[in-house]
Amino acid sequence: MRRVACVYFPDWSVQYHLASRRPGDRRLLMVSTTAGGRGERVVACCAGSAAAAVRPGMPLAEARAVLLGPVGVPTEAGEGLEVVEADEEADLRVLAEEGRRGWRFTPLVSLTPAARPGQPPAQDPRSRPESLLANITGCGHLFGDERGLATAMQQEWSGRGFAVRVAVAGSPGAAWAIAHAAHWTGQPWIPLVASEGRDELWMRRLPIEALALQPRVVRALRELDVVQVEGLLGLPLAEIKRRFGEETLWRIDRALGRWQEPLECLPMPDPVVAC
């Protein structure tokens, strides 16, 4: 049976920009974008900015005023401000560099999920460059057991200053869901391991966002007061398909591991051969 680990870096673009700074640089950090046609807005921010009430989706000008005051002078919240433009290609490139560190644990490390055959990964939360997925089948014993491996993975990146959530399950969908839901619900920063055959039991307790559904479907379900996976799974399949389409059924199957999801793994370097 396949076993998969997800290493989730919350607010990845913020984390790697902070990690690349020179020692002593204590400026607050925000990532902004003009995508969506609503002007320049915050898409992510550091903990210090969040503590000062900056939130994703806030207009950048408003966020600046919160942090710097009306005359642009740093408030007690920090010693200055850095704003960087969102760059998904850079996020993915730097994440790939971190993915290669995962080869210490398994040669099979992937960045993003494979798209559904015949369909682009539009509006798929799992396509965001913020997670590593690793096939760790048969690797757990090298670290004592799977929990030991998951702990070693977390220590690999936390020791370098990154905040990570690690989860192990029987499919990429379940591992991704458990790691992300633990962060959304404020669980302790400890690795989570779903024992073989228990993925669906774990999944049923999670919020519906853990299924990586399309945003419009999540909004519609919450309007119907369906907020947990268990509530959605209690609905007739025909009703789900009629209301939300076949794509939603596929995403549910992917999250629950009912679809054998392939991983597009990072290519390892050619081995050195002595002649």
Protein backbone atom coordinates (compact mmCIF):
# COMPACT_ATOMS: atom_id res chain seq x y z
CA MET A 1 0.00 0.00 0.00
CA ARG A 2 1.34 3.43 -1.00
CA ARG A 3 2.27 5.90 1.75
CA VAL A 4 2.63 9.61 1.08
CA ALA A 5 3.98 12.51 3.12
CA CYS A 6 2.96 16.14 2.65
CA VAL A 7 5.31 18.89 3.82
CA TYR A 8 3.29 22.12 3.93
CA PHE A 9 4.99 25.52 4.19
CA PRO A 10 2.27 27.99 5.30
CA ASP A 11 2.69 31.37 3.55
CA TRP A 12 5.63 29.99 1.57
CA SER A 13 6.39 33.21 -0.32
CA VAL A 14 6.68 35.08 2.99
CA GLN A 15 8.82 32.37 4.57
CA TYR A 16 11.49 32.16 1.89
CA HIS A 17 11.76 35.93 1.51
CA LEU A 18 12.33 36.25 5.26
CA ALA A 19 14.86 33.40 5.19
CA SER A 20 16.86 35.12 2.44
CA ARG A 21 17.34 38.34 4.41
CA ARG A 22 20.56 39.47 5.97
CA PRO A 23 20.88 38.98 9.75
CA GLY A 24 19.35 41.83 11.71
CA ASP A 25 16.80 42.82 9.04
CA ARG A 26 13.62 43.17 11.12
CA ARG A 27 11.38 44.90 8.60
CA LEU A 28 7.81 43.72 8.31
CA LEU A 29 6.98 41.94 5.06
CA MET A 30 3.95 41.86 2.81
CA VAL A 31 3.38 40.14 -0.54
CA SER A 32 1.05 42.02 -2.89
CA THR A 33 -0.65 41.52 -6.24
CA THR A 34 -2.78 43.44 -8.73
CA ALA A 35 -4.38 40.27 -10.10
CA GLY A 36 -8.17 40.29 -10.12
CA GLY A 37 -8.58 43.90 -11.20
CA ARG A 38 -9.31 45.26 -7.71
CA GLY A 39 -6.14 47.30 -7.32
CA GLU A 40 -3.04 46.30 -5.39
CA ARG A 41 -3.90 44.01 -2.52
CA VAL A 42 -2.13 41.96 0.15
CA VAL A 43 -1.99 38.23 -0.56
CA ALA A 44 0.26 37.24 2.35
CA CYS A 45 2.12 38.87 5.22
CA CYS A 46 4.52 38.09 8.05
CA ALA A 47 3.39 37.36 11.60
CA GLY A 48 4.23 40.88 12.76
CA SER A 49 2.01 42.41 10.08
CA ALA A 50 -0.80 40.00 10.93
CA ALA A 51 -0.50 40.93 14.61
CA ALA A 52 -1.08 44.54 13.59
CA ALA A 53 -4.37 43.52 11.87
CA VAL A 54 -3.14 43.23 8.28
CA ARG A 55 -5.04 40.49 6.45
CA PRO A 56 -4.88 38.87 3.00
CA GLY A 57 -7.25 40.66 0.64
CA MET A 58 -6.72 44.06 2.31
CA PRO A 59 -5.87 46.95 -0.07
CA LEU A 60 -2.13 47.55 0.03
CA ALA A 61 -2.59 51.27 0.75
CA GLU A 62 -4.71 50.46 3.80
CA ALA A 63 -2.16 47.90 5.01
CA ARG A 64 0.63 50.48 4.64
CA ALA A 65 -1.35 52.96 6.69
CA VAL A 66 -1.89 50.37 9.42
CA LEU A 67 1.81 49.56 9.66
CA LEU A 68 3.46 52.90 8.87
CA GLY A 69 0.88 55.46 9.90
CA PRO A 70 -0.46 58.28 7.71
CA VAL A 71 2.94 59.91 7.25
CA GLY A 72 4.87 56.75 6.45
CA VAL A 73 6.72 56.55 9.73
CA PRO A 74 7.11 53.03 11.19
CA THR A 75 4.80 52.37 14.11
CA GLU A 76 5.60 50.27 17.16
CA ALA A 77 4.63 47.24 15.05
CA GLY A 78 8.02 47.17 13.39
CA GLU A 79 11.17 48.88 12.12
CA GLY A 80 10.09 49.42 8.54
CA LEU A 81 8.27 47.63 5.78
CA GLU A 82 9.19 45.62 2.71
CA VAL A 83 6.60 44.89 0.01
CA VAL A 84 7.34 42.27 -2.65
CA GLU A 85 5.23 41.42 -5.68
CA ALA A 86 3.67 37.98 -5.81
CA ASP A 87 5.59 35.72 -8.20
CA GLU A 88 4.29 32.18 -8.45
CA GLU A 89 7.09 31.09 -10.78
CA ALA A 90 9.70 32.21 -8.24
CA ASP A 91 7.74 30.51 -5.45
CA LEU A 92 7.80 27.25 -7.40
CA ARG A 93 11.48 27.56 -8.32
CA VAL A 94 12.59 28.10 -4.72
CA LEU A 95 10.26 25.35 -3.50
CA ALA A 96 11.89 22.97 -5.99
CA GLU A 97 15.26 23.74 -4.39
CA GLU A 98 13.80 22.76 -1.03
CA GLY A 99 12.23 19.67 -2.60
CA ARG A 100 15.67 18.35 -3.43
CA ARG A 101 16.42 18.28 0.28
CA GLY A 102 13.62 15.75 0.49
CA TRP A 103 15.81 13.23 -1.33
CA ARG A 104 17.35 12.54 2.05
CA PHE A 105 14.11 10.73 2.88
CA THR A 106 12.93 9.36 -0.48
CA PRO A 107 13.92 9.72 -4.14
CA LEU A 108 10.27 10.39 -5.04
CA VAL A 109 9.48 14.04 -4.26
CA SER A 110 6.84 16.06 -6.12
CA LEU A 111 5.85 19.73 -6.13
CA THR A 112 2.36 19.94 -7.58
CA PRO A 113 -0.32 17.37 -8.36
CA ALA A 114 -0.85 16.03 -11.84
CA ALA A 115 -3.81 17.65 -13.56
CA ARG A 116 -6.90 15.58 -14.13
CA PRO A 117 -6.70 13.96 -17.58
CA GLY A 118 -8.26 16.31 -20.10
CA GLN A 119 -8.69 19.23 -17.68
CA PRO A 120 -6.47 22.11 -16.53
CA PRO A 121 -5.88 22.53 -12.78
CA ALA A 122 -7.84 25.82 -12.70
CA GLN A 123 -8.96 26.96 -9.26
CA ASP A 124 -7.38 23.95 -7.62
CA PRO A 125 -6.01 24.86 -4.16
CA ARG A 126 -3.55 22.00 -4.45
CA SER A 127 -1.83 23.67 -7.41
CA ARG A 128 -0.48 26.46 -5.17
CA PRO A 129 3.32 26.33 -4.74
CA GLU A 130 3.40 25.74 -0.97
CA SER A 131 3.69 21.98 -0.46
CA LEU A 132 5.95 19.03 -1.17
CA LEU A 133 4.47 15.58 -1.69
CA ALA A 134 6.71 12.56 -1.23
CA ASN A 135 6.12 8.87 -1.84
CA ILE A 136 7.65 7.34 1.31
CA THR A 137 6.43 3.78 0.75
CA GLY A 138 8.89 1.41 2.43
CA CYS A 139 11.05 4.25 3.81
CA GLY A 140 9.65 4.56 7.33
CA HIS A 141 11.80 1.82 8.88
CA LEU A 142 14.94 3.81 8.01
CA PHE A 143 13.85 6.32 10.67
CA GLY A 144 12.33 3.87 13.13
CA ASP A 145 8.82 4.15 11.73
CA GLU A 146 6.69 6.57 9.72
CA ARG A 147 6.30 8.93 12.66
CA GLY A 148 10.06 9.01 13.03
CA LEU A 149 10.41 9.79 9.34
CA ALA A 150 7.79 12.55 9.54
CA THR A 151 9.56 14.02 12.57
CA ALA A 152 12.89 13.96 10.74
CA MET A 153 11.30 15.72 7.77
CA GLN A 154 9.92 18.45 10.01
CA GLN A 155 13.27 18.88 11.75
CA GLU A 156 15.03 19.15 8.37
CA TRP A 157 13.21 22.37 7.55
CA SER A 158 12.42 23.75 10.99
CA GLY A 159 16.15 23.52 11.73
CA ARG A 160 16.71 25.93 8.83
CA GLY A 161 14.15 28.39 10.11
CA PHE A 162 11.05 27.31 8.19
CA ALA A 163 7.66 26.60 9.73
CA VAL A 164 6.29 23.35 8.30
CA ARG A 165 3.32 21.04 8.78
CA VAL A 166 3.96 17.37 8.01
CA ALA A 167 1.31 14.70 7.54
CA VAL A 168 1.48 11.09 6.36
CA ALA A 169 -1.43 9.18 4.84
CA GLY A 170 -2.27 6.61 2.19
CA SER A 171 -2.70 9.08 -0.68
CA PRO A 172 -1.46 12.51 -1.78
CA GLY A 173 -4.96 13.94 -1.33
CA ALA A 174 -5.37 12.78 2.25
CA ALA A 175 -1.83 13.79 3.26
CA TRP A 176 -2.35 17.28 1.77
CA ALA A 177 -5.74 17.61 3.47
CA ILE A 178 -4.53 16.59 6.92
CA ALA A 179 -1.46 18.84 6.83
CA HIS A 180 -3.42 21.89 5.69
CA ALA A 181 -6.43 21.33 7.95
CA ALA A 182 -4.13 21.05 10.97
CA HIS A 183 -2.88 24.54 10.18
CA TRP A 184 -6.30 26.03 9.48
CA THR A 185 -7.68 24.69 12.76
CA GLY A 186 -4.64 25.70 14.82
CA GLN A 187 -3.43 22.23 15.83
CA PRO A 188 -0.02 21.78 17.50
CA TRP A 189 2.99 21.76 15.18
CA ILE A 190 3.60 18.02 15.41
CA PRO A 191 3.67 15.51 12.55
CA LEU A 192 0.38 13.71 11.97
CA VAL A 193 0.29 10.11 10.74
CA ALA A 194 -2.90 8.42 9.55
CA SER A 195 -2.46 4.68 10.01
CA GLU A 196 -3.02 2.42 7.00
CA GLY A 197 -6.69 2.10 6.15
CA ARG A 198 -7.78 5.04 8.31
CA ASP A 199 -7.58 7.91 5.82
CA GLU A 200 -11.33 8.31 5.45
CA LEU A 201 -11.85 8.32 9.23
CA TRP A 202 -9.42 11.24 9.45
CA MET A 203 -10.93 13.00 6.47
CA ARG A 204 -14.50 12.92 7.77
CA ARG A 205 -13.55 15.21 10.67
CA LEU A 206 -11.93 17.86 8.48
CA PRO A 207 -13.48 21.07 7.07
CA ILE A 208 -14.75 20.78 3.49
CA GLU A 209 -11.89 23.02 2.29
CA ALA A 210 -9.61 20.03 2.87
CA LEU A 211 -11.15 18.35 -0.18
CA ALA A 212 -9.56 21.05 -2.40
CA LEU A 213 -12.93 21.81 -4.00
CA GLN A 214 -13.53 24.74 -6.30
CA PRO A 215 -14.12 27.96 -4.30
CA ARG A 216 -17.66 28.37 -5.63
CA VAL A 217 -18.54 24.87 -4.42
CA VAL A 218 -17.14 25.57 -0.94
CA ARG A 219 -19.19 28.77 -0.72
CA ALA A 220 -22.37 26.98 -1.82
CA LEU A 221 -21.85 24.13 0.66
CA ARG A 222 -21.30 26.51 3.55
CA GLU A 223 -24.51 28.32 2.63
CA LEU A 224 -26.20 24.92 3.02
CA ASP A 225 -24.49 24.56 6.44
CA VAL A 226 -22.31 21.70 5.16
CA VAL A 227 -19.01 22.57 6.82
CA GLN A 228 -17.32 19.20 7.42
CA VAL A 229 -16.38 16.41 5.03
CA GLU A 230 -18.65 14.02 6.93
CA GLY A 231 -21.66 16.18 6.14
CA LEU A 232 -20.82 16.24 2.43
CA LEU A 233 -20.26 12.48 2.28
CA GLY A 234 -23.70 12.03 3.81
CA LEU A 235 -25.36 13.59 0.74
CA PRO A 236 -26.50 11.33 -2.14
CA LEU A 237 -23.92 11.17 -4.94
CA ALA A 238 -26.58 11.99 -7.52
CA GLU A 239 -27.47 15.15 -5.62
CA ILE A 240 -23.83 16.26 -5.37
CA LYS A 241 -23.35 15.68 -9.09
CA ARG A 242 -26.56 17.54 -9.98
CA ARG A 243 -25.74 20.56 -7.82
CA PHE A 244 -21.97 20.79 -8.18
CA GLY A 245 -20.95 18.73 -11.20
CA GLU A 246 -18.82 15.68 -11.89
CA GLU A 247 -15.65 17.66 -11.18
CA THR A 248 -16.68 17.86 -7.51
CA LEU A 249 -17.14 14.07 -7.32
CA TRP A 250 -13.67 13.61 -8.79
CA ARG A 251 -12.10 15.99 -6.27
CA ILE A 252 -13.78 14.12 -3.42
CA ASP A 253 -12.44 10.81 -4.77
CA ARG A 254 -8.96 12.34 -5.13
CA ALA A 255 -8.94 13.63 -1.57
CA LEU A 256 -10.11 10.28 -0.17
CA GLY A 257 -7.56 8.31 -2.17
CA ARG A 258 -10.19 6.56 -4.29
CA TRP A 259 -8.35 7.68 -7.42
CA GLN A 260 -4.79 6.40 -7.86
CA GLU A 261 -3.20 9.83 -8.17
CA PRO A 262 0.19 9.95 -9.89
CA LEU A 263 3.00 12.14 -8.58
CA GLU A 264 5.20 14.03 -11.04
CA CYS A 265 8.48 13.74 -9.17
CA LEU A 266 11.52 15.98 -9.38
CA PRO A 267 14.19 14.41 -11.62
CA MET A 268 17.22 13.28 -9.67
CA PRO A 269 20.68 14.17 -10.97
CA ASP A 270 22.49 11.63 -13.08
CA PRO A 271 24.68 9.38 -10.93
CA VAL A 272 28.43 9.89 -10.94
CA VAL A 273 30.12 6.96 -12.64
CA ALA A 274 33.87 6.27 -12.38
CA CYS A 275 35.38 4.73 -15.50
